[in-house]
Structure formats: C-alpha cells, structure tokens
Amino acid sequence: MDWSKAKTILIIALIIANIILGYSIYTNENIVDETLSDDFIEVVIGQLENRNITIDTEIPRENPELMSLSVEYEKIDTEEMNKTFFQGKGTIIPKGQGLVEIAYEDELISIINDKLIRYESNYSQENHKINSEEDAVKVATDFLNENNVPLSDMKLSFVRESDGIYDLEFTKFYGDYYLESTFTNIKVDSTGVKRFERNWLNTIEIGEKAIEITSAPKSLLAVLGKEEVQGKTIKDISICYYFDPGKHGYNENPGEVRQGTTIPAWRIQFNDGYKLFVDNY
C-alpha cells in the first residue's frame, strides 16, 4: 500500500469533512426565521385589522434573549408608612385578612398583605395649577420624593387626562428593560395627589443563562383571541422581564408569595394603557 498516497487522501477527506461540518453549523446558526419576514408581518397586521386592532408602533424584527431575574416583593412596614406620610400621627386600624388601614384627617392608607399600598385623599382645596402633563408629573414626583419613594428605578410608562384629572403609571425597569408586573400609579388633579397605588418588586440577582423568546410578529398572534382589546391601538411592543404572580401561587395564597423568578416576555401596550404579556411558557 502506498502509505504516502493514503495519508494524503485521508487529509483531504478530513478537510472536506470539516468544510461540510462548518457549513452545516453556519447554516443552522443563520436559519431565516420566516415569522420575521415582510410577508408574515403583513399577514399578522391584516389579521389584527380584521379584529379592529391597529398598530401604531414599530414591530421588532429580532429573536431576543434575556436573562431571568430573581425578584422579591417590596415589603411595606405599617409603622414606617405612618411616620413617612403622617409624621406618626395616623391611627393604625387592623382590618383582618391581610388588610391594615392608617387614617389621618382626610387621608387614608390601606396596606394589603404587606405588599400593596393604596393612599387616598379627600381634600377639596385647590393647591396646584395643572395645565399640562408636565405639571401633573411634577406634582406626582414631588409627592413621591416627599414620601421617600425612590424614582431611580422607575419610568413614566403611561399618562391619561380626562377633565383635568391625570392618571400616571410608573413602571420599574432593570437595565434597559421594563420589569413587569409592577406599578406605581398616581391620580392627580388641582388638589394634588388624589390616589396613589404601589406594588413593587426588588431584584435579588440575575440568572446565568439567557432565555430565548418567540419573535414579536408571531407573539402578536396571541392578541387575536383577546376580546378585550378589540377596537384598540397597539402603541408599544417591547421585550421585558415578566413576573407572573399567578404562576407563583399568588391567586391562591396572596399573603404567602414573597419572591420568584422572571421570564422574558413581549410587553404589548395599548392606547388606553392596557397591557398584555406574551411569553413561551
């Protein structure tokens, strides 16, 4: 046997095999996702329009990945709330079933399961001139600053005005993404803050492995079966960290759930502030 010739043939065969293997890996990594094509997106938009749902934003054309996050509910201390809002002068009233109230003059704070805080004011004296969204935001942020609510981890995500009353929603963010479901909602008029609600999550640590999620155009198909969004306009489509309380047993034991893990999801927000979250799970 001509070992020299055999060795040459073996080397050539190995080179060809490596080329084939490399091409296979390349093509697998660069498979075109048909759900990101113009044709597919046009079909999705048409289907949404058939349900009287319009899109007034860009549809992301990517297959995103996002790490998971370990999160925990912000714990609300009743005594501390009394000191912060009412200089300790409020009357603390345990109501049972996880509900505690703090009453002071024409103001009332309700604390539910040490997680949700709801402040309400019945003052009628006009203290502010609110002629714009900017005026309302200033009144709201002043209120938050005065009551030691940090602004550093929240963004204004929705504003609605009706007859001089502004509803503002602030959402938590982590890095470049919203962290849902969290909210700090404030209702403002010329008397000041009429209502304040907050249910917040704090981050513990970030996961070690990225999780891929279905493309935005494909995820939009989940909107078609939602009767409650017919006649609305989609104003924002963005990836977010999503903590689903229901999947962590919140509905069955709302007082027990303290922490959990987020997953990536598409955050679809409509013109009236309503939001849908679409994930792979």
Protein backbone atom coordinates (compact mmCIF):
# COMPACT_ATOMS: atom_id res chain seq x y z
CA MET A 1 0.00 0.00 0.00
CA ASP A 2 1.21 3.49 -0.85
CA TRP A 3 1.02 4.98 2.68
CA SER A 4 2.05 8.39 1.45
CA LYS A 5 -0.86 8.48 -1.02
CA ALA A 6 -3.28 7.08 1.58
CA LYS A 7 -2.19 9.74 4.07
CA THR A 8 -2.81 12.48 1.50
CA ILE A 9 -6.29 11.13 0.74
CA LEU A 10 -7.10 10.96 4.47
CA ILE A 11 -6.02 14.57 4.99
CA ILE A 12 -8.09 15.72 2.03
CA ALA A 13 -11.11 13.77 3.36
CA LEU A 14 -10.74 15.38 6.78
CA ILE A 15 -10.52 18.84 5.21
CA ILE A 16 -13.70 18.20 3.18
CA ALA A 17 -15.46 16.85 6.29
CA ASN A 18 -14.50 19.96 8.27
CA ILE A 19 -15.74 22.21 5.45
CA ILE A 20 -19.09 20.36 5.37
CA LEU A 21 -19.36 20.46 9.16
CA GLY A 22 -18.50 24.16 9.24
CA TYR A 23 -21.07 24.96 6.55
CA SER A 24 -23.69 22.94 8.40
CA ILE A 25 -23.04 24.82 11.62
CA TYR A 26 -23.10 28.15 9.75
CA THR A 27 -26.40 27.45 8.02
CA ASN A 28 -28.02 26.18 11.23
CA GLU A 29 -26.97 29.34 13.05
CA ASN A 30 -28.25 31.54 10.25
CA ILE A 31 -31.60 29.94 9.56
CA VAL A 32 -34.02 32.62 8.47
CA ASP A 33 -36.99 32.98 10.82
CA GLU A 34 -39.97 33.21 8.49
CA THR A 35 -42.00 34.95 11.20
CA LEU A 36 -39.72 37.98 10.75
CA SER A 37 -40.35 38.20 7.00
CA ASP A 38 -42.32 41.03 5.42
CA ASP A 39 -44.94 38.58 4.14
CA PHE A 40 -45.60 37.10 7.59
CA ILE A 41 -45.76 40.52 9.23
CA GLU A 42 -48.25 41.74 6.61
CA VAL A 43 -50.45 38.71 7.34
CA VAL A 44 -50.30 39.42 11.08
CA ILE A 45 -51.19 43.09 10.58
CA GLY A 46 -54.08 42.07 8.32
CA GLN A 47 -55.41 39.59 10.88
CA LEU A 48 -55.24 42.23 13.60
CA GLU A 49 -57.08 44.74 11.42
CA ASN A 50 -59.79 42.13 10.84
CA ARG A 51 -60.28 42.18 14.62
CA ASN A 52 -60.34 46.00 14.59
CA ILE A 53 -56.91 46.19 16.23
CA THR A 54 -54.40 48.64 14.76
CA ILE A 55 -50.65 49.04 15.30
CA ASP A 56 -49.13 52.49 15.82
CA THR A 57 -45.55 51.45 16.56
CA GLU A 58 -42.66 49.54 15.03
CA ILE A 59 -42.80 45.74 15.22
CA PRO A 60 -39.40 44.49 16.48
CA ARG A 61 -37.65 42.22 13.99
CA GLU A 62 -35.37 40.16 16.15
CA ASN A 63 -35.16 36.94 18.13
CA PRO A 64 -34.23 38.37 21.51
CA GLU A 65 -32.70 36.67 24.51
CA LEU A 66 -32.97 37.85 28.08
CA MET A 67 -31.63 36.56 31.38
CA SER A 68 -34.05 35.62 34.13
CA LEU A 69 -34.14 37.65 37.34
CA SER A 70 -34.77 36.57 40.90
CA VAL A 71 -37.12 39.13 42.45
CA GLU A 72 -38.94 39.76 45.70
CA TYR A 73 -41.88 41.93 46.67
CA GLU A 74 -41.10 45.20 48.39
CA LYS A 75 -42.22 44.72 52.00
CA ILE A 76 -44.27 47.56 53.46
CA ASP A 77 -43.86 48.39 57.14
CA THR A 78 -47.04 49.91 58.62
CA GLU A 79 -45.30 51.93 61.35
CA GLU A 80 -42.82 53.30 58.85
CA MET A 81 -45.61 54.33 56.47
CA ASN A 82 -47.35 56.17 59.31
CA LYS A 83 -44.16 58.07 60.10
CA THR A 84 -43.39 58.83 56.47
CA PHE A 85 -46.85 60.01 55.38
CA PHE A 86 -48.36 61.34 58.62
CA GLN A 87 -45.39 62.00 60.95
CA GLY A 88 -46.65 59.12 63.08
CA LYS A 89 -49.97 60.89 63.79
CA GLY A 90 -52.20 58.47 61.88
CA THR A 91 -54.42 55.88 63.53
CA ILE A 92 -53.48 52.30 62.65
CA ILE A 93 -56.54 50.09 62.21
CA PRO A 94 -56.05 46.31 61.65
CA LYS A 95 -58.90 45.04 59.46
CA GLY A 96 -58.01 41.35 59.20
CA GLN A 97 -57.44 39.21 56.08
CA GLY A 98 -54.09 40.90 55.47
CA LEU A 99 -55.55 44.44 55.45
CA VAL A 100 -54.33 47.30 57.66
CA GLU A 101 -55.50 50.93 57.39
CA ILE A 102 -53.89 54.15 58.55
CA ALA A 103 -56.33 57.05 58.92
CA TYR A 104 -55.35 60.70 59.29
CA GLU A 105 -57.74 63.63 58.74
CA ASP A 106 -58.96 63.37 55.10
CA GLU A 107 -56.32 60.85 54.11
CA LEU A 108 -56.36 57.07 54.26
CA ILE A 109 -53.69 54.47 53.59
CA SER A 110 -54.58 50.82 53.02
CA ILE A 111 -51.83 48.19 53.17
CA ILE A 112 -52.66 44.76 51.76
CA ASN A 113 -50.58 41.67 52.57
CA ASP A 114 -47.58 43.92 53.33
CA LYS A 115 -47.13 44.32 49.53
CA LEU A 116 -49.71 46.71 48.11
CA ILE A 117 -50.07 50.25 49.40
CA ARG A 118 -53.05 52.42 48.48
CA TYR A 119 -53.23 56.09 49.51
CA GLU A 120 -56.41 58.16 49.08
CA SER A 121 -57.05 61.84 49.76
CA ASN A 122 -60.41 63.59 50.07
CA TYR A 123 -59.07 67.14 50.30
CA SER A 124 -61.00 69.61 48.12
CA GLN A 125 -58.88 72.76 48.32
CA GLU A 126 -57.13 73.57 45.04
CA ASN A 127 -53.39 73.84 45.59
CA HIS A 128 -51.98 73.44 42.08
CA LYS A 129 -52.41 74.81 38.59
CA ILE A 130 -52.22 71.82 36.31
CA ASN A 131 -52.39 72.79 32.66
CA SER A 132 -50.24 70.08 31.13
CA GLU A 133 -48.83 66.60 31.51
CA GLU A 134 -45.58 68.13 32.74
CA ASP A 135 -47.43 69.90 35.57
CA ALA A 136 -49.10 66.66 36.62
CA VAL A 137 -45.81 64.74 36.53
CA LYS A 138 -44.17 67.36 38.74
CA VAL A 139 -46.94 67.12 41.35
CA ALA A 140 -46.66 63.32 41.28
CA THR A 141 -42.86 63.19 41.53
CA ASP A 142 -42.85 65.80 44.32
CA PHE A 143 -45.29 63.58 46.21
CA LEU A 144 -43.03 60.55 45.71
CA ASN A 145 -39.95 62.46 46.86
CA GLU A 146 -41.75 63.80 49.93
CA ASN A 147 -42.76 60.27 50.93
CA ASN A 148 -39.38 58.62 50.34
CA VAL A 149 -40.41 56.63 47.26
CA PRO A 150 -37.27 56.27 45.07
CA LEU A 151 -37.53 57.47 41.48
CA SER A 152 -34.25 55.90 40.32
CA ASP A 153 -35.73 52.56 39.22
CA MET A 154 -38.96 53.69 37.58
CA LYS A 155 -40.09 55.22 34.29
CA LEU A 156 -43.29 57.02 33.37
CA SER A 157 -44.95 54.47 31.09
CA PHE A 158 -48.47 55.86 30.59
CA VAL A 159 -50.43 59.10 31.02
CA ARG A 160 -54.13 59.72 30.52
CA GLU A 161 -56.01 63.00 31.05
CA SER A 162 -59.76 63.46 31.45
CA ASP A 163 -61.47 66.66 32.62
CA GLY A 164 -58.32 67.94 34.31
CA ILE A 165 -57.60 64.68 36.10
CA TYR A 166 -54.36 62.91 35.20
CA ASP A 167 -53.69 59.22 35.65
CA LEU A 168 -49.99 58.43 35.60
CA GLU A 169 -48.41 55.00 35.62
CA PHE A 170 -44.77 54.42 36.52
CA THR A 171 -43.17 51.04 35.81
CA LYS A 172 -40.00 49.57 37.25
CA PHE A 173 -37.06 48.95 34.95
CA TYR A 174 -33.89 46.91 35.23
CA GLY A 175 -31.09 47.78 32.85
CA ASP A 176 -32.71 48.63 29.52
CA TYR A 177 -35.96 46.75 30.09
CA TYR A 178 -39.21 47.13 31.99
CA LEU A 179 -39.80 44.74 34.87
CA GLU A 180 -43.44 43.69 34.91
CA SER A 181 -45.80 43.23 36.71
CA THR A 182 -45.02 46.20 38.89
CA PHE A 183 -46.73 49.54 39.14
CA THR A 184 -46.74 52.87 40.87
CA ASN A 185 -49.99 54.57 39.81
CA ILE A 186 -50.89 58.14 40.73
CA LYS A 187 -54.06 60.16 40.14
CA VAL A 188 -53.51 63.93 40.16
CA ASP A 189 -55.78 66.98 39.94
CA SER A 190 -55.66 70.58 41.11
CA THR A 191 -55.99 69.49 44.75
CA GLY A 192 -52.85 67.37 44.49
CA VAL A 193 -52.48 63.61 44.61
CA LYS A 194 -55.91 62.03 44.99
CA ARG A 195 -54.79 58.42 44.82
CA PHE A 196 -51.50 56.54 44.95
CA GLU A 197 -51.07 52.80 44.49
CA ARG A 198 -47.85 50.86 44.52
CA ASN A 199 -46.96 47.17 44.21
CA TRP A 200 -43.23 46.87 43.64
CA LEU A 201 -40.57 44.24 43.02
CA ASN A 202 -36.92 44.44 44.02
CA THR A 203 -34.28 42.45 42.17
CA ILE A 204 -32.18 39.88 44.02
CA GLU A 205 -29.85 38.51 41.34
CA ILE A 206 -29.63 37.90 37.61
CA GLY A 207 -29.71 34.41 36.12
CA GLU A 208 -26.72 32.75 34.45
CA LYS A 209 -28.28 31.66 31.17
CA ALA A 210 -30.09 33.68 28.51
CA ILE A 211 -33.62 32.59 27.61
CA GLU A 212 -34.81 32.97 24.02
CA ILE A 213 -38.35 34.04 23.24
CA THR A 214 -40.57 33.76 20.16
CA SER A 215 -40.40 36.66 17.69
CA ALA A 216 -42.65 39.69 18.18
CA PRO A 217 -44.69 39.14 14.96
CA LYS A 218 -45.52 35.56 15.98
CA SER A 219 -46.31 36.64 19.55
CA LEU A 220 -48.77 39.22 18.23
CA LEU A 221 -50.98 36.35 17.07
CA ALA A 222 -51.84 35.80 20.74
CA VAL A 223 -53.65 39.14 20.69
CA LEU A 224 -56.21 37.90 18.18
CA GLY A 225 -58.15 35.87 20.72
CA LYS A 226 -58.46 38.70 23.26
CA GLU A 227 -61.93 40.21 23.07
CA GLU A 228 -60.98 42.99 25.49
CA VAL A 229 -58.53 44.62 23.04
CA GLN A 230 -60.80 44.84 20.00
CA GLY A 231 -61.08 48.43 18.81
CA LYS A 232 -57.80 49.43 20.47
CA THR A 233 -54.45 50.55 19.09
CA ILE A 234 -51.11 48.97 19.99
CA LYS A 235 -48.74 51.78 20.98
CA ASP A 236 -45.70 49.84 22.19
CA ILE A 237 -44.17 46.39 21.63
CA SER A 238 -41.07 45.71 23.69
CA ILE A 239 -39.30 42.88 25.45
CA CYS A 240 -39.49 42.89 29.25
CA TYR A 241 -38.72 40.91 32.37
CA TYR A 242 -42.06 39.41 33.37
CA PHE A 243 -43.05 38.15 36.80
CA ASP A 244 -46.40 36.37 36.63
CA PRO A 245 -47.92 36.34 40.14
CA GLY A 246 -50.45 33.67 39.13
CA LYS A 247 -47.73 31.20 38.21
CA HIS A 248 -46.15 31.69 41.63
CA GLY A 249 -49.32 30.86 43.55
CA TYR A 250 -50.33 34.46 44.25
CA ASN A 251 -54.01 33.89 43.46
CA GLU A 252 -54.26 31.00 45.94
CA ASN A 253 -52.02 32.43 48.68
CA PRO A 254 -51.52 36.16 48.12
CA GLY A 255 -50.18 36.66 51.62
CA GLU A 256 -47.53 33.95 51.28
CA VAL A 257 -45.85 34.74 47.98
CA ARG A 258 -42.74 36.83 48.63
CA GLN A 259 -40.39 36.16 45.74
CA GLY A 260 -39.95 34.34 42.45
CA THR A 261 -38.28 34.41 39.05
CA THR A 262 -38.97 36.49 35.97
CA ILE A 263 -39.01 35.26 32.38
CA PRO A 264 -38.68 37.24 29.14
CA ALA A 265 -41.97 38.28 27.56
CA TRP A 266 -43.29 40.66 24.95
CA ARG A 267 -44.94 43.65 26.56
CA ILE A 268 -47.79 44.86 24.33
CA GLN A 269 -49.29 48.16 25.48
CA PHE A 270 -52.45 49.71 24.06
CA ASN A 271 -53.60 53.30 23.69
CA ASP A 272 -55.68 53.15 26.88
CA GLY A 273 -52.79 51.82 28.98
CA TYR A 274 -53.99 48.20 28.94
CA LYS A 275 -51.11 45.71 28.68
CA LEU A 276 -50.74 42.13 27.52
CA PHE A 277 -47.72 39.94 28.16
CA VAL A 278 -46.84 37.08 25.80
CA ASP A 279 -44.21 34.51 26.75
CA ASN A 280 -43.22 30.98 25.74
CA TYR A 281 -44.47 29.34 28.92
